PDB file of N, CA and C in Angstrom:
ATOM      1  N   MET A   1     -72.302 -63.645  88.840  1.00  0.00           N
ATOM      2  CA  MET A   1     -72.327 -63.580  87.189  1.00  0.00           C
ATOM      3  C   MET A   1     -72.064 -62.673  86.887  1.00  0.00           C
ATOM      4  N   VAL A   2     -71.189 -62.553  86.121  1.00  0.00           N
ATOM      5  CA  VAL A   2     -70.615 -60.867  85.197  1.00  0.00           C
ATOM      6  C   VAL A   2     -71.378 -61.046  83.565  1.00  0.00           C
ATOM      7  N   THR A   3     -72.694 -59.793  84.227  1.00  0.00           N
ATOM      8  CA  THR A   3     -73.177 -59.635  82.926  1.00  0.00           C
ATOM      9  C   THR A   3     -71.981 -59.390  81.677  1.00  0.00           C
ATOM     10  N   ILE A   4     -72.967 -59.402  80.777  1.00  0.00           N
ATOM     11  CA  ILE A   4     -71.980 -58.406  79.435  1.00  0.00           C
ATOM     12  C   ILE A   4     -73.355 -57.434  79.220  1.00  0.00           C
ATOM     13  N   PHE A   5     -72.432 -56.503  79.207  1.00  0.00           N
ATOM     14  CA  PHE A   5     -72.847 -54.912  78.861  1.00  0.00           C
ATOM     15  C   PHE A   5     -72.855 -54.776  77.486  1.00  0.00           C
ATOM     16  N   ASP A   6     -72.280 -54.742  76.493  1.00  0.00           N
ATOM     17  CA  ASP A   6     -72.480 -54.578  75.532  1.00  0.00           C
ATOM     18  C   ASP A   6     -71.367 -55.457  74.521  1.00  0.00           C
ATOM     19  N   GLN A   7     -71.723 -55.709  72.865  1.00  0.00           N
ATOM     20  CA  GLN A   7     -71.226 -56.046  72.399  1.00  0.00           C
ATOM     21  C   GLN A   7     -69.250 -56.179  72.630  1.00  0.00           C
ATOM     22  N   SER A   8     -69.240 -54.440  72.080  1.00  0.00           N
ATOM     23  CA  SER A   8     -68.087 -53.765  72.893  1.00  0.00           C
ATOM     24  C   SER A   8     -66.916 -53.719  74.713  1.00  0.00           C
ATOM     25  N   LEU A   9     -67.799 -54.513  75.532  1.00  0.00           N
ATOM     26  CA  LEU A   9     -67.425 -55.133  76.534  1.00  0.00           C
ATOM     27  C   LEU A   9     -67.318 -56.247  76.357  1.00  0.00           C
ATOM     28  N   TRP A  10     -67.874 -57.186  75.966  1.00  0.00           N
ATOM     29  CA  TRP A  10     -67.739 -59.512  75.824  1.00  0.00           C
ATOM     30  C   TRP A  10     -66.552 -59.330  76.064  1.00  0.00           C
ATOM     31  N   LEU A  11     -65.429 -58.770  75.609  1.00  0.00           N
ATOM     32  CA  LEU A  11     -64.121 -59.765  76.188  1.00  0.00           C
ATOM     33  C   LEU A  11     -63.274 -58.825  77.375  1.00  0.00           C
ATOM     34  N   ASP A  12     -64.200 -57.850  77.862  1.00  0.00           N
ATOM     35  CA  ASP A  12     -63.542 -57.344  79.813  1.00  0.00           C
ATOM     36  C   ASP A  12     -64.399 -58.610  80.303  1.00  0.00           C
ATOM     37  N   SER A  13     -65.928 -58.686  79.800  1.00  0.00           N
ATOM     38  CA  SER A  13     -66.503 -59.544  81.396  1.00  0.00           C
ATOM     39  C   SER A  13     -66.580 -60.730  81.166  1.00  0.00           C
ATOM     40  N   TYR A  14     -65.489 -61.086  79.253  1.00  0.00           N
ATOM     41  CA  TYR A  14     -65.506 -63.310  79.417  1.00  0.00           C
ATOM     42  C   TYR A  14     -63.704 -62.329  80.223  1.00  0.00           C
ATOM     43  N   SER A  15     -63.232 -62.116  80.162  1.00  0.00           N
ATOM     44  CA  SER A  15     -61.970 -61.497  80.409  1.00  0.00           C
ATOM     45  C   SER A  15     -61.266 -62.051  82.046  1.00  0.00           C
ATOM     46  N   LEU A  16     -62.376 -60.893  82.510  1.00  0.00           N
ATOM     47  CA  LEU A  16     -63.159 -61.148  84.580  1.00  0.00           C
ATOM     48  C   LEU A  16     -63.452 -62.677  84.822  1.00  0.00           C
ATOM     49  N   ALA A  17     -65.018 -63.024  84.115  1.00  0.00           N
ATOM     50  CA  ALA A  17     -64.844 -64.167  84.758  1.00  0.00           C
ATOM     51  C   ALA A  17     -63.715 -65.623  84.539  1.00  0.00           C
ATOM     52  N   ALA A  18     -62.948 -65.342  83.078  1.00  0.00           N
ATOM     53  CA  ALA A  18     -62.118 -67.057  83.482  1.00  0.00           C
ATOM     54  C   ALA A  18     -60.220 -66.020  84.228  1.00  0.00           C
ATOM     55  N   ASP A  19     -59.966 -65.031  84.874  1.00  0.00           N
ATOM     56  CA  ASP A  19     -59.743 -64.660  85.652  1.00  0.00           C
ATOM     57  C   ASP A  19     -60.367 -64.876  87.211  1.00  0.00           C
ATOM     58  N   LEU A  20     -61.653 -64.528  87.353  1.00  0.00           N
ATOM     59  CA  LEU A  20     -61.873 -65.560  88.611  1.00  0.00           C
ATOM     60  C   LEU A  20     -61.956 -66.741  89.323  1.00  0.00           C
ATOM     61  N   ARG A  21     -61.703 -67.574  87.512  1.00  0.00           N
ATOM     62  CA  ARG A  21     -62.490 -68.980  87.906  1.00  0.00           C
ATOM     63  C   ARG A  21     -60.935 -69.592  88.480  1.00  0.00           C
ATOM     64  N   THR A  22     -60.024 -68.801  87.441  1.00  0.00           N
ATOM     65  CA  THR A  22     -58.694 -69.630  87.860  1.00  0.00           C
ATOM     66  C   THR A  22     -58.018 -69.541  89.530  1.00  0.00           C
ATOM     67  N   THR A  23     -58.952 -68.269  90.331  1.00  0.00           N
ATOM     68  CA  THR A  23     -59.307 -68.206  91.812  1.00  0.00           C
ATOM     69  C   THR A  23     -59.806 -69.684  92.469  1.00  0.00           C
ATOM     70  N   GLY A  24     -60.604 -69.894  91.452  1.00  0.00           N
ATOM     71  CA  GLY A  24     -61.750 -70.923  92.357  1.00  0.00           C
ATOM     72  C   GLY A  24     -63.384 -70.677  92.183  1.00  0.00           C
ATOM     73  N   LEU A  25     -63.211 -69.587  92.396  1.00  0.00           N
ATOM     74  CA  LEU A  25     -64.790 -69.007  91.782  1.00  0.00           C
ATOM     75  C   LEU A  25     -65.864 -70.342  91.402  1.00  0.00           C
ATOM     76  N   ASP A  26     -66.764 -70.345  91.461  1.00  0.00           N
ATOM     77  CA  ASP A  26     -67.439 -71.204  90.121  1.00  0.00           C
ATOM     78  C   ASP A  26     -68.024 -69.249  89.812  1.00  0.00           C
ATOM     79  N   VAL A  27     -67.789 -69.394  88.340  1.00  0.00           N
ATOM     80  CA  VAL A  27     -68.990 -67.724  87.509  1.00  0.00           C
ATOM     81  C   VAL A  27     -69.518 -68.140  86.331  1.00  0.00           C
ATOM     82  N   VAL A  28     -70.540 -68.009  86.393  1.00  0.00           N
ATOM     83  CA  VAL A  28     -71.334 -68.227  85.225  1.00  0.00           C
ATOM     84  C   VAL A  28     -71.683 -66.149  84.005  1.00  0.00           C
ATOM     85  N   THR A  29     -71.475 -66.505  83.041  1.00  0.00           N
ATOM     86  CA  THR A  29     -71.299 -65.142  82.735  1.00  0.00           C
ATOM     87  C   THR A  29     -73.318 -66.023  81.970  1.00  0.00           C
ATOM     88  N   TYR A  30     -73.180 -64.032  81.028  1.00  0.00           N
ATOM     89  CA  TYR A  30     -74.754 -64.267  80.593  1.00  0.00           C
ATOM     90  C   TYR A  30     -73.852 -64.418  80.045  1.00  0.00           C
ATOM     91  N   PRO A  31     -75.058 -65.250  78.878  1.00  0.00           N
ATOM     92  CA  PRO A  31     -75.446 -65.525  76.764  1.00  0.00           C
ATOM     93  C   PRO A  31     -73.975 -64.577  76.357  1.00  0.00           C
ATOM     94  N   GLU A  32     -74.886 -63.178  76.545  1.00  0.00           N
ATOM     95  CA  GLU A  32     -75.538 -62.799  75.497  1.00  0.00           C
ATOM     96  C   GLU A  32     -75.454 -60.836  75.356  1.00  0.00           C
ATOM     97  N   PRO A  33     -75.392 -59.432  74.376  1.00  0.00           N
ATOM     98  CA  PRO A  33     -75.467 -58.519  75.642  1.00  0.00           C
ATOM     99  C   PRO A  33     -76.919 -58.525  75.721  1.00  0.00           C
ATOM    100  N   ALA A  34     -77.540 -57.840  76.832  1.00  0.00           N
ATOM    101  CA  ALA A  34     -78.735 -57.154  77.016  1.00  0.00           C
ATOM    102  C   ALA A  34     -79.004 -56.146  78.288  1.00  0.00           C
ATOM    103  N   LYS A  35     -80.434 -55.857  78.069  1.00  0.00           N
ATOM    104  CA  LYS A  35     -80.561 -55.284  79.192  1.00  0.00           C
ATOM    105  C   LYS A  35     -79.842 -55.273  80.326  1.00  0.00           C
ATOM    106  N   LEU A  36     -79.589 -54.682  81.681  1.00  0.00           N
ATOM    107  CA  LEU A  36     -79.085 -55.053  82.245  1.00  0.00           C
ATOM    108  C   LEU A  36     -80.344 -55.117  83.221  1.00  0.00           C
ATOM    109  N   PRO A  37     -81.177 -55.263  83.757  1.00  0.00           N
ATOM    110  CA  PRO A  37     -82.664 -55.764  84.528  1.00  0.00           C
ATOM    111  C   PRO A  37     -82.371 -57.296  83.770  1.00  0.00           C
ATOM    112  N   LYS A  38     -83.007 -57.172  82.526  1.00  0.00           N
ATOM    113  CA  LYS A  38     -83.031 -59.290  81.927  1.00  0.00           C
ATOM    114  C   LYS A  38     -81.720 -59.766  82.848  1.00  0.00           C
ATOM    115  N   GLN A  39     -81.104 -59.628  82.324  1.00  0.00           N
ATOM    116  CA  GLN A  39     -79.285 -60.060  83.007  1.00  0.00           C
ATOM    117  C   GLN A  39     -79.675 -60.313  84.938  1.00  0.00           C
ATOM    118  N   PHE A  40     -80.389 -59.627  85.345  1.00  0.00           N
ATOM    119  CA  PHE A  40     -79.949 -59.334  86.657  1.00  0.00           C
ATOM    120  C   PHE A  40     -81.663 -60.379  87.460  1.00  0.00           C
ATOM    121  N   LYS A  41     -82.372 -60.574  86.654  1.00  0.00           N
ATOM    122  CA  LYS A  41     -83.845 -61.347  86.271  1.00  0.00           C
ATOM    123  C   LYS A  41     -83.123 -62.714  86.451  1.00  0.00           C
ATOM    124  N   PHE A  42     -82.447 -62.972  85.124  1.00  0.00           N
ATOM    125  CA  PHE A  42     -81.742 -64.992  84.689  1.00  0.00           C
ATOM    126  C   PHE A  42     -80.830 -64.926  86.204  1.00  0.00           C
ATOM    127  N   ALA A  43     -80.586 -63.971  87.133  1.00  0.00           N
ATOM    128  CA  ALA A  43     -79.461 -63.919  88.023  1.00  0.00           C
ATOM    129  C   ALA A  43     -80.143 -64.664  88.744  1.00  0.00           C
ATOM    130  N   ASP A  44     -80.795 -63.479  89.426  1.00  0.00           N
ATOM    131  CA  ASP A  44     -82.209 -64.607  90.081  1.00  0.00           C
ATOM    132  C   ASP A  44     -82.740 -65.714  90.302  1.00  0.00           C
ATOM    133  N   LYS A  45     -83.496 -65.414  89.706  1.00  0.00           N
ATOM    134  CA  LYS A  45     -83.941 -67.359  88.636  1.00  0.00           C
ATOM    135  C   LYS A  45     -82.739 -68.302  88.536  1.00  0.00           C
ATOM    136  N   MET A  46     -81.774 -67.470  89.133  1.00  0.00           N
ATOM    137  CA  MET A  46     -80.885 -69.330  89.036  1.00  0.00           C
ATOM    138  C   MET A  46     -80.351 -69.250  90.514  1.00  0.00           C
ATOM    139  N   GLY A  47     -80.689 -67.975  91.549  1.00  0.00           N
ATOM    140  CA  GLY A  47     -80.737 -68.457  92.718  1.00  0.00           C
ATOM    141  C   GLY A  47     -79.224 -67.770  92.689  1.00  0.00           C
ATOM    142  N   ILE A  48     -78.174 -66.912  91.829  1.00  0.00           N
ATOM    143  CA  ILE A  48     -76.555 -66.648  91.381  1.00  0.00           C
ATOM    144  C   ILE A  48     -77.049 -64.739  93.009  1.00  0.00           C
ATOM    145  N   ARG A  49     -76.203 -65.115  93.602  1.00  0.00           N
ATOM    146  CA  ARG A  49     -76.009 -63.771  94.752  1.00  0.00           C
ATOM    147  C   ARG A  49     -75.932 -62.490  94.631  1.00  0.00           C
ATOM    148  N   MET A  50     -74.573 -62.522  92.887  1.00  0.00           N
ATOM    149  CA  MET A  50     -74.406 -61.307  92.761  1.00  0.00           C
ATOM    150  C   MET A  50     -73.653 -61.304  90.953  1.00  0.00           C
ATOM    151  N   ALA A  51     -74.228 -60.226  90.785  1.00  0.00           N
ATOM    152  CA  ALA A  51     -73.584 -59.911  89.784  1.00  0.00           C
ATOM    153  C   ALA A  51     -72.938 -58.963  89.326  1.00  0.00           C
ATOM    154  N   LEU A  52     -71.724 -59.152  88.497  1.00  0.00           N
ATOM    155  CA  LEU A  52     -70.451 -58.027  87.996  1.00  0.00           C
ATOM    156  C   LEU A  52     -71.240 -57.598  87.575  1.00  0.00           C
ATOM    157  N   VAL A  53     -70.812 -55.917  87.008  1.00  0.00           N
ATOM    158  CA  VAL A  53     -70.805 -55.500  85.524  1.00  0.00           C
ATOM    159  C   VAL A  53     -69.486 -54.634  85.652  1.00  0.00           C
ATOM    160  N   ILE A  54     -69.174 -55.098  84.047  1.00  0.00           N
ATOM    161  CA  ILE A  54     -68.569 -53.307  82.999  1.00  0.00           C
ATOM    162  C   ILE A  54     -68.802 -53.123  82.617  1.00  0.00           C
ATOM    163  N   GLY A  55     -69.716 -51.602  82.398  1.00  0.00           N
ATOM    164  CA  GLY A  55     -70.051 -50.800  81.897  1.00  0.00           C
ATOM    165  C   GLY A  55     -68.755 -49.664  80.683  1.00  0.00           C
ATOM    166  N   PRO A  56     -69.082 -49.447  80.428  1.00  0.00           N
ATOM    167  CA  PRO A  56     -67.662 -48.294  79.446  1.00  0.00           C
ATOM    168  C   PRO A  56     -67.379 -47.281  80.912  1.00  0.00           C
ATOM    169  N   ASP A  57     -67.982 -46.540  81.709  1.00  0.00           N
ATOM    170  CA  ASP A  57     -68.055 -45.888  82.487  1.00  0.00           C
ATOM    171  C   ASP A  57     -66.660 -46.803  83.411  1.00  0.00           C
ATOM    172  N   GLU A  58     -66.542 -47.972  84.027  1.00  0.00           N
ATOM    173  CA  GLU A  58     -66.714 -49.080  84.955  1.00  0.00           C
ATOM    174  C   GLU A  58     -64.756 -49.359  84.408  1.00  0.00           C
ATOM    175  N   ALA A  59     -64.897 -49.602  82.656  1.00  0.00           N
ATOM    176  CA  ALA A  59     -63.854 -50.417  81.679  1.00  0.00           C
ATOM    177  C   ALA A  59     -62.543 -49.340  81.657  1.00  0.00           C
ATOM    178  N   ALA A  60     -63.015 -47.649  81.525  1.00  0.00           N
ATOM    179  CA  ALA A  60     -62.002 -46.767  81.748  1.00  0.00           C
ATOM    180  C   ALA A  60     -61.618 -46.383  82.799  1.00  0.00           C
ATOM    181  N   ALA A  61     -62.585 -46.805  83.489  1.00  0.00           N
ATOM    182  CA  ALA A  61     -61.984 -46.448  84.924  1.00  0.00           C
ATOM    183  C   ALA A  61     -61.299 -48.190  85.991  1.00  0.00           C
ATOM    184  N   GLY A  62     -60.683 -48.785  84.389  1.00  0.00           N
ATOM    185  CA  GLY A  62     -60.010 -50.242  85.400  1.00  0.00           C
ATOM    186  C   GLY A  62     -61.062 -50.789  87.182  1.00  0.00           C
ATOM    187  N   LYS A  63     -62.536 -50.198  86.532  1.00  0.00           N
ATOM    188  CA  LYS A  63     -63.431 -51.062  87.679  1.00  0.00           C
ATOM    189  C   LYS A  63     -64.678 -51.757  87.460  1.00  0.00           C
ATOM    190  N   VAL A  64     -65.057 -52.187  88.177  1.00  0.00           N
ATOM    191  CA  VAL A  64     -66.141 -53.396  88.305  1.00  0.00           C
ATOM    192  C   VAL A  64     -66.949 -53.129  89.434  1.00  0.00           C
ATOM    193  N   THR A  65     -68.519 -52.663  89.076  1.00  0.00           N
ATOM    194  CA  THR A  65     -69.375 -52.708  89.668  1.00  0.00           C
ATOM    195  C   THR A  65     -69.830 -54.299  89.800  1.00  0.00           C
ATOM    196  N   VAL A  66     -69.958 -54.192  91.662  1.00  0.00           N
ATOM    197  CA  VAL A  66     -70.237 -55.482  92.001  1.00  0.00           C
ATOM    198  C   VAL A  66     -71.884 -55.189  93.012  1.00  0.00           C
ATOM    199  N   LYS A  67     -73.046 -55.822  92.650  1.00  0.00           N
ATOM    200  CA  LYS A  67     -74.348 -55.826  93.026  1.00  0.00           C
ATOM    201  C   LYS A  67     -74.782 -57.188  93.757  1.00  0.00           C
ATOM    202  N   ASP A  68     -74.620 -57.394  94.772  1.00  0.00           N
ATOM    203  CA  ASP A  68     -75.697 -58.198  95.320  1.00  0.00           C
ATOM    204  C   ASP A  68     -77.123 -58.297  94.527  1.00  0.00           C
ATOM    205  N   LEU A  69     -77.519 -58.959  94.618  1.00  0.00           N
ATOM    206  CA  LEU A  69     -78.407 -59.480  94.721  1.00  0.00           C
ATOM    207  C   LEU A  69     -79.686 -59.856  94.929  1.00  0.00           C
ATOM    208  N   LYS A  70     -78.900 -60.222  96.623  1.00  0.00           N
ATOM    209  CA  LYS A  70     -79.899 -60.486  97.867  1.00  0.00           C
ATOM    210  C   LYS A  70     -80.620 -59.382  98.422  1.00  0.00           C
ATOM    211  N   ASN A  71     -79.827 -57.812  98.372  1.00  0.00           N
ATOM    212  CA  ASN A  71     -79.659 -57.346  99.705  1.00  0.00           C
ATOM    213  C   ASN A  71     -80.677 -55.607  98.784  1.00  0.00           C
ATOM    214  N   GLY A  72     -79.427 -55.886  97.465  1.00  0.00           N
ATOM    215  CA  GLY A  72     -79.871 -54.440  96.541  1.00  0.00           C
ATOM    216  C   GLY A  72     -78.712 -53.321  96.640  1.00  0.00           C
ATOM    217  N   THR A  73     -77.875 -54.402  97.703  1.00  0.00           N
ATOM    218  CA  THR A  73     -76.478 -52.711  97.273  1.00  0.00           C
ATOM    219  C   THR A  73     -75.921 -52.802  96.218  1.00  0.00           C
ATOM    220  N   GLN A  74     -74.959 -52.242  95.847  1.00  0.00           N
ATOM    221  CA  GLN A  74     -74.187 -52.650  94.884  1.00  0.00           C
ATOM    222  C   GLN A  74     -72.257 -51.265  95.601  1.00  0.00           C
ATOM    223  N   GLU A  75     -71.754 -52.269  94.922  1.00  0.00           N
ATOM    224  CA  GLU A  75     -70.741 -51.179  95.196  1.00  0.00           C
ATOM    225  C   GLU A  75     -69.297 -51.292  94.214  1.00  0.00           C
ATOM    226  N   THR A  76     -68.509 -49.912  93.119  1.00  0.00           N
ATOM    227  CA  THR A  76     -67.160 -50.121  93.053  1.00  0.00           C
ATOM    228  C   THR A  76     -65.988 -50.254  93.271  1.00  0.00           C
ATOM    229  N   VAL A  77     -65.852 -51.611  92.692  1.00  0.00           N
ATOM    230  CA  VAL A  77     -64.385 -51.748  92.843  1.00  0.00           C
ATOM    231  C   VAL A  77     -63.545 -51.705  91.922  1.00  0.00           C
ATOM    232  N   LEU A  78     -61.730 -51.185  92.582  1.00  0.00           N
ATOM    233  CA  LEU A  78     -60.574 -52.161  91.209  1.00  0.00           C
ATOM    234  C   LEU A  78     -60.497 -53.325  90.668  1.00  0.00           C
ATOM    235  N   ARG A  79     -60.496 -53.373  89.449  1.00  0.00           N
ATOM    236  CA  ARG A  79     -60.528 -54.929  89.432  1.00  0.00           C
ATOM    237  C   ARG A  79     -59.720 -56.084  89.639  1.00  0.00           C
ATOM    238  N   ALA A  80     -58.719 -55.374  90.098  1.00  0.00           N
ATOM    239  CA  ALA A  80     -57.956 -56.516  91.222  1.00  0.00           C
ATOM    240  C   ALA A  80     -58.746 -56.936  92.202  1.00  0.00           C
ATOM    241  N   ASP A  81     -59.868 -56.140  92.778  1.00  0.00           N
ATOM    242  CA  ASP A  81     -59.629 -56.016  94.164  1.00  0.00           C
ATOM    243  C   ASP A  81     -61.349 -56.829  94.227  1.00  0.00           C
ATOM    244  N   VAL A  82     -61.951 -57.026  93.397  1.00  0.00           N
ATOM    245  CA  VAL A  82     -63.122 -57.866  92.448  1.00  0.00           C
ATOM    246  C   VAL A  82     -63.062 -59.151  93.442  1.00  0.00           C
ATOM    247  N   GLU A  83     -61.850 -59.876  93.453  1.00  0.00           N
ATOM    248  CA  GLU A  83     -61.620 -61.699  94.204  1.00  0.00           C
ATOM    249  C   GLU A  83     -63.194 -60.850  95.467  1.00  0.00           C
ATOM    250  N   LYS A  84     -61.617 -60.422  96.285  1.00  0.00           N
ATOM    251  CA  LYS A  84     -62.244 -60.026  97.331  1.00  0.00           C
ATOM    252  C   LYS A  84     -62.737 -59.500  97.836  1.00  0.00           C
ATOM    253  N   THR A  85     -63.776 -58.651  97.297  1.00  0.00           N
ATOM    254  CA  THR A  85     -65.070 -58.217  97.440  1.00  0.00           C
ATOM    255  C   THR A  85     -66.093 -59.605  97.443  1.00  0.00           C
ATOM    256  N   VAL A  86     -66.025 -59.925  96.241  1.00  0.00           N
ATOM    257  CA  VAL A  86     -66.933 -61.107  95.651  1.00  0.00           C
ATOM    258  C   VAL A  86     -66.570 -61.746  96.937  1.00  0.00           C
ATOM    259  N   ARG A  87     -65.770 -62.173  97.407  1.00  0.00           N
ATOM    260  CA  ARG A  87     -65.650 -63.796  98.642  1.00  0.00           C
ATOM    261  C   ARG A  87     -65.895 -62.910 100.058  1.00  0.00           C
ATOM    262  N   LYS A  88     -65.882 -61.900 100.401  1.00  0.00           N
ATOM    263  CA  LYS A  88     -66.414 -61.251 101.192  1.00  0.00           C
ATOM    264  C   LYS A  88     -67.764 -61.618 101.521  1.00  0.00           C
ATOM    265  N   ILE A  89     -69.285 -60.673  99.898  1.00  0.00           N
ATOM    266  CA  ILE A  89     -69.933 -60.479 100.491  1.00  0.00           C
ATOM    267  C   ILE A  89     -70.627 -62.311 100.304  1.00  0.00           C
ATOM    268  N   LEU A  90     -70.113 -63.432  99.795  1.00  0.00           N
ATOM    269  CA  LEU A  90     -70.274 -64.772  99.946  1.00  0.00           C
ATOM    270  C   LEU A  90     -70.316 -65.410 101.196  1.00  0.00           C
ATOM    271  N   GLU A  91     -68.954 -65.452 102.215  1.00  0.00           N
ATOM    272  CA  GLU A  91     -68.618 -65.068 103.560  1.00  0.00           C
ATOM    273  C   GLU A  91     -70.079 -64.130 104.662  1.00  0.00           C
ATOM    274  N   SER A  92     -70.101 -63.906 103.953  1.00  0.00           N
ATOM    275  CA  SER A  92     -71.235 -62.621 104.931  1.00  0.00           C
ATOM    276  C   SER A  92     -73.183 -64.144 104.753  1.00  0.00           C
ATOM    277  N   ALA A  93     -73.269 -64.689 103.788  1.00  0.00           N
ATOM    278  CA  ALA A  93     -74.075 -65.368 103.899  1.00  0.00           C
ATOM    279  C   ALA A  93     -74.402 -65.764 103.965  1.00  0.00           C
TER     280      ALA A  93
END
């Protein structure tokens, strides 16, 4: 799931989701900006394995934080490497 950090980063989040969908990944986006714990809880209830976060720091650096909701780990990667990172996590499931 791609989170919506805040209104100013909405477009970044939806753009990432659209790019990942073109690679064949099933991607859900949270419907509105909300506190991240609320979005993580929603993803967990839906059985979604990971959350992708673009906060102000990530956006400025061209990066995305990939949070594995199953084991609680997270890593921040270049936006260009998100698909590879997501697939690696999915393959380890």
